[in-house]
Amino acid sequence: MADAVVDLARSRLDAGDLPRQGGERPHLTLIAELSTLRLEPGSPLAQLDWGPLVTGETARRIAGDASVTPVLEDSNREILHVGRRSRTLRTPLRRALHLRDRHCKGPGCTMPALQCEPHHRVHWIDGGPDELANLTLYCRFHHGLLHPENARYRENGGRTGAVQNRAP
């Protein structure tokens, strides 16, 4: 059922007709130091704008196909500079990826390209280029298998009621 809720939210966001707040469509703000995104030992956890902390691996996954706005702060957390927002994957590149892969590249999976997520073989924060040769399409299930930080959800995390990924 959780997968269905995610699908509903994505289709609603993709429709592009949601109301604006503060001049922007609904969005998620992730606050992370560069060291966190680079998975440097001892780096702090990233934070979602409503408070929850997430690991560097989760932050990297969230930022993998997003609009990114770099913000430079000083040691007192005073904002020194706000950069321009840019997509990690430009629309023409995403189209080319869909045309090349056609569907999820997980073993035996036929999930259509429009329902898949791009996976960077070498993550962009580690210097991996946003180039077709560095990208592969995977459905949410198979993409999740490539990210072991999410295994606790797939394995039920030892809790009842935890969300589990299911094969498409």
Protein backbone atom coordinates (compact mmCIF):
# COMPACT_ATOMS: atom_id res chain seq x y z
CA MET A 1 0.00 0.00 0.00
CA ALA A 2 2.91 2.34 0.67
CA ASP A 3 4.06 1.87 -2.93
CA ALA A 4 0.61 2.95 -4.10
CA VAL A 5 0.79 6.12 -1.99
CA VAL A 6 4.21 6.96 -3.48
CA ASP A 7 2.85 6.36 -7.00
CA LEU A 8 -0.12 8.64 -6.31
CA ALA A 9 2.15 11.39 -4.96
CA ARG A 10 4.53 11.14 -7.91
CA SER A 11 1.74 11.28 -10.48
CA ARG A 12 0.25 14.30 -8.72
CA LEU A 13 3.59 16.10 -8.62
CA ASP A 14 4.28 15.22 -12.27
CA ALA A 15 0.95 16.73 -13.32
CA GLY A 16 2.45 20.17 -12.56
CA ASP A 17 -0.81 21.75 -11.45
CA LEU A 18 -0.37 21.78 -7.67
CA PRO A 19 -0.67 25.14 -5.92
CA ARG A 20 2.46 27.16 -5.27
CA GLN A 21 3.77 28.03 -1.82
CA GLY A 22 6.38 30.74 -1.55
CA GLY A 23 6.53 30.88 -5.36
CA GLU A 24 7.51 27.22 -5.77
CA ARG A 25 5.74 23.96 -6.45
CA PRO A 26 5.82 21.50 -3.52
CA HIS A 27 9.36 20.34 -2.88
CA LEU A 28 11.62 18.62 -0.40
CA THR A 29 14.52 20.47 1.15
CA LEU A 30 17.54 18.43 2.15
CA ILE A 31 20.29 20.13 4.14
CA ALA A 32 23.65 18.38 3.89
CA GLU A 33 27.31 19.19 4.08
CA LEU A 34 29.44 18.23 1.12
CA SER A 35 31.37 15.84 3.39
CA THR A 36 28.09 14.03 4.17
CA LEU A 37 27.26 13.60 0.49
CA ARG A 38 30.80 12.35 -0.14
CA LEU A 39 30.36 9.83 2.72
CA GLU A 40 33.45 11.06 4.51
CA PRO A 41 33.99 9.35 7.89
CA GLY A 42 32.80 11.49 10.80
CA SER A 43 30.60 13.72 8.65
CA PRO A 44 27.27 14.81 10.18
CA LEU A 45 23.90 13.42 9.21
CA ALA A 46 21.86 15.34 6.64
CA GLN A 47 18.54 16.87 7.65
CA LEU A 48 15.16 17.15 5.98
CA ASP A 49 13.57 20.58 6.30
CA TRP A 50 10.90 19.36 8.72
CA GLY A 51 13.50 17.94 11.12
CA PRO A 52 14.30 14.23 10.56
CA LEU A 53 17.96 13.29 10.18
CA VAL A 54 19.03 10.97 7.35
CA THR A 55 22.28 9.21 6.51
CA GLY A 56 24.64 10.37 3.79
CA GLU A 57 23.57 7.39 1.67
CA THR A 58 19.91 8.39 1.94
CA ALA A 59 20.79 12.03 1.17
CA ARG A 60 22.66 10.91 -1.95
CA ARG A 61 19.66 8.86 -3.08
CA ILE A 62 17.27 11.79 -2.56
CA ALA A 63 19.57 14.13 -4.49
CA GLY A 64 20.19 11.63 -7.30
CA ASP A 65 17.54 12.99 -9.68
CA ALA A 66 16.61 16.33 -8.18
CA SER A 67 16.91 20.04 -8.59
CA VAL A 68 19.91 21.12 -6.54
CA THR A 69 20.49 24.63 -5.17
CA PRO A 70 23.92 25.02 -3.58
CA VAL A 71 24.01 27.29 -0.51
CA LEU A 72 27.25 28.48 1.07
CA GLU A 73 27.25 29.17 4.83
CA ASP A 74 29.94 30.41 7.20
CA SER A 75 30.82 28.74 10.51
CA ASN A 76 27.96 30.63 12.23
CA ARG A 77 25.46 29.24 9.69
CA GLU A 78 25.04 32.68 8.12
CA ILE A 79 24.16 32.33 4.44
CA LEU A 80 26.89 33.80 2.26
CA HIS A 81 25.66 32.75 -1.18
CA VAL A 82 22.71 30.98 -2.79
CA GLY A 83 23.53 29.47 -6.18
CA ARG A 84 21.28 28.75 -9.11
CA ARG A 85 19.03 25.75 -9.02
CA SER A 86 19.85 23.12 -11.61
CA ARG A 87 18.63 19.61 -12.35
CA THR A 88 21.02 16.75 -11.84
CA LEU A 89 19.62 15.29 -15.06
CA ARG A 90 18.56 17.62 -17.85
CA THR A 91 15.34 16.75 -19.68
CA PRO A 92 17.05 15.86 -23.02
CA LEU A 93 19.42 13.48 -21.21
CA ARG A 94 16.51 11.86 -19.37
CA ARG A 95 14.69 11.39 -22.71
CA ALA A 96 17.79 9.82 -24.26
CA LEU A 97 18.08 7.46 -21.28
CA HIS A 98 14.43 6.42 -21.72
CA LEU A 99 14.94 5.81 -25.43
CA ARG A 100 18.11 3.80 -24.91
CA ASP A 101 16.98 1.61 -21.98
CA ARG A 102 13.22 1.45 -22.79
CA HIS A 103 12.50 -0.30 -19.45
CA CYS A 104 14.02 -1.28 -16.11
CA LYS A 105 17.36 -3.01 -16.53
CA GLY A 106 16.81 -5.25 -13.51
CA PRO A 107 16.92 -8.98 -14.34
CA GLY A 108 13.77 -9.91 -16.26
CA CYS A 109 11.98 -6.67 -15.40
CA THR A 110 9.79 -4.96 -17.99
CA MET A 111 8.71 -1.86 -15.99
CA PRO A 112 8.37 0.95 -18.60
CA ALA A 113 10.99 3.71 -18.70
CA LEU A 114 8.55 6.40 -17.55
CA GLN A 115 8.07 4.51 -14.29
CA CYS A 116 11.80 4.03 -13.68
CA GLU A 117 14.49 6.01 -11.90
CA PRO A 118 17.93 6.87 -13.28
CA HIS A 119 20.85 5.28 -11.45
CA HIS A 120 24.31 6.86 -11.60
CA ARG A 121 26.91 4.08 -11.87
CA VAL A 122 29.40 6.54 -10.38
CA HIS A 123 27.37 8.96 -8.24
CA TRP A 124 27.47 12.59 -9.36
CA ILE A 125 28.78 13.79 -5.97
CA ASP A 126 31.78 11.45 -6.46
CA GLY A 127 32.55 13.03 -9.82
CA GLY A 128 30.37 10.73 -11.91
CA PRO A 129 29.25 12.61 -14.99
CA ASP A 130 25.66 13.23 -16.00
CA GLU A 131 26.29 11.35 -19.23
CA LEU A 132 24.35 8.54 -20.81
CA ALA A 133 27.27 6.13 -20.37
CA ASN A 134 27.08 6.63 -16.57
CA LEU A 135 23.31 6.11 -16.27
CA THR A 136 20.97 3.11 -16.19
CA LEU A 137 17.20 2.94 -15.64
CA TYR A 138 15.82 0.83 -12.80
CA CYS A 139 12.33 0.51 -11.34
CA ARG A 140 11.95 1.51 -7.70
CA PHE A 141 12.34 -2.11 -6.56
CA HIS A 142 15.54 -2.86 -8.50
CA HIS A 143 17.00 0.59 -7.81
CA GLY A 144 16.43 -0.03 -4.11
CA LEU A 145 18.46 -3.25 -4.33
CA LEU A 146 21.44 -1.20 -5.52
CA HIS A 147 21.29 0.92 -2.36
CA PRO A 148 21.99 -1.25 0.71
CA GLU A 149 21.21 1.65 3.07
CA ASN A 150 17.54 0.89 2.42
CA ALA A 151 17.81 -2.81 3.33
CA ARG A 152 16.23 -2.21 6.75
CA TYR A 153 12.94 -1.33 5.00
CA ARG A 154 13.08 -4.32 2.67
CA GLU A 155 13.87 -6.64 5.58
CA ASN A 156 11.12 -5.15 7.78
CA GLY A 157 13.68 -3.55 10.09
CA GLY A 158 12.71 -5.87 12.91
CA ARG A 159 9.46 -3.94 13.35
CA THR A 160 5.96 -4.87 12.41
CA GLY A 161 4.32 -2.62 9.87
CA ALA A 162 7.54 -1.44 8.20
CA VAL A 163 7.37 -0.75 4.49
CA GLN A 164 8.79 -3.44 2.22
CA ASN A 165 9.66 -3.20 -1.44
CA ARG A 166 8.03 -5.80 -3.66
CA ALA A 167 8.99 -6.93 -7.09
CA PRO A 168 6.95 -5.16 -9.80
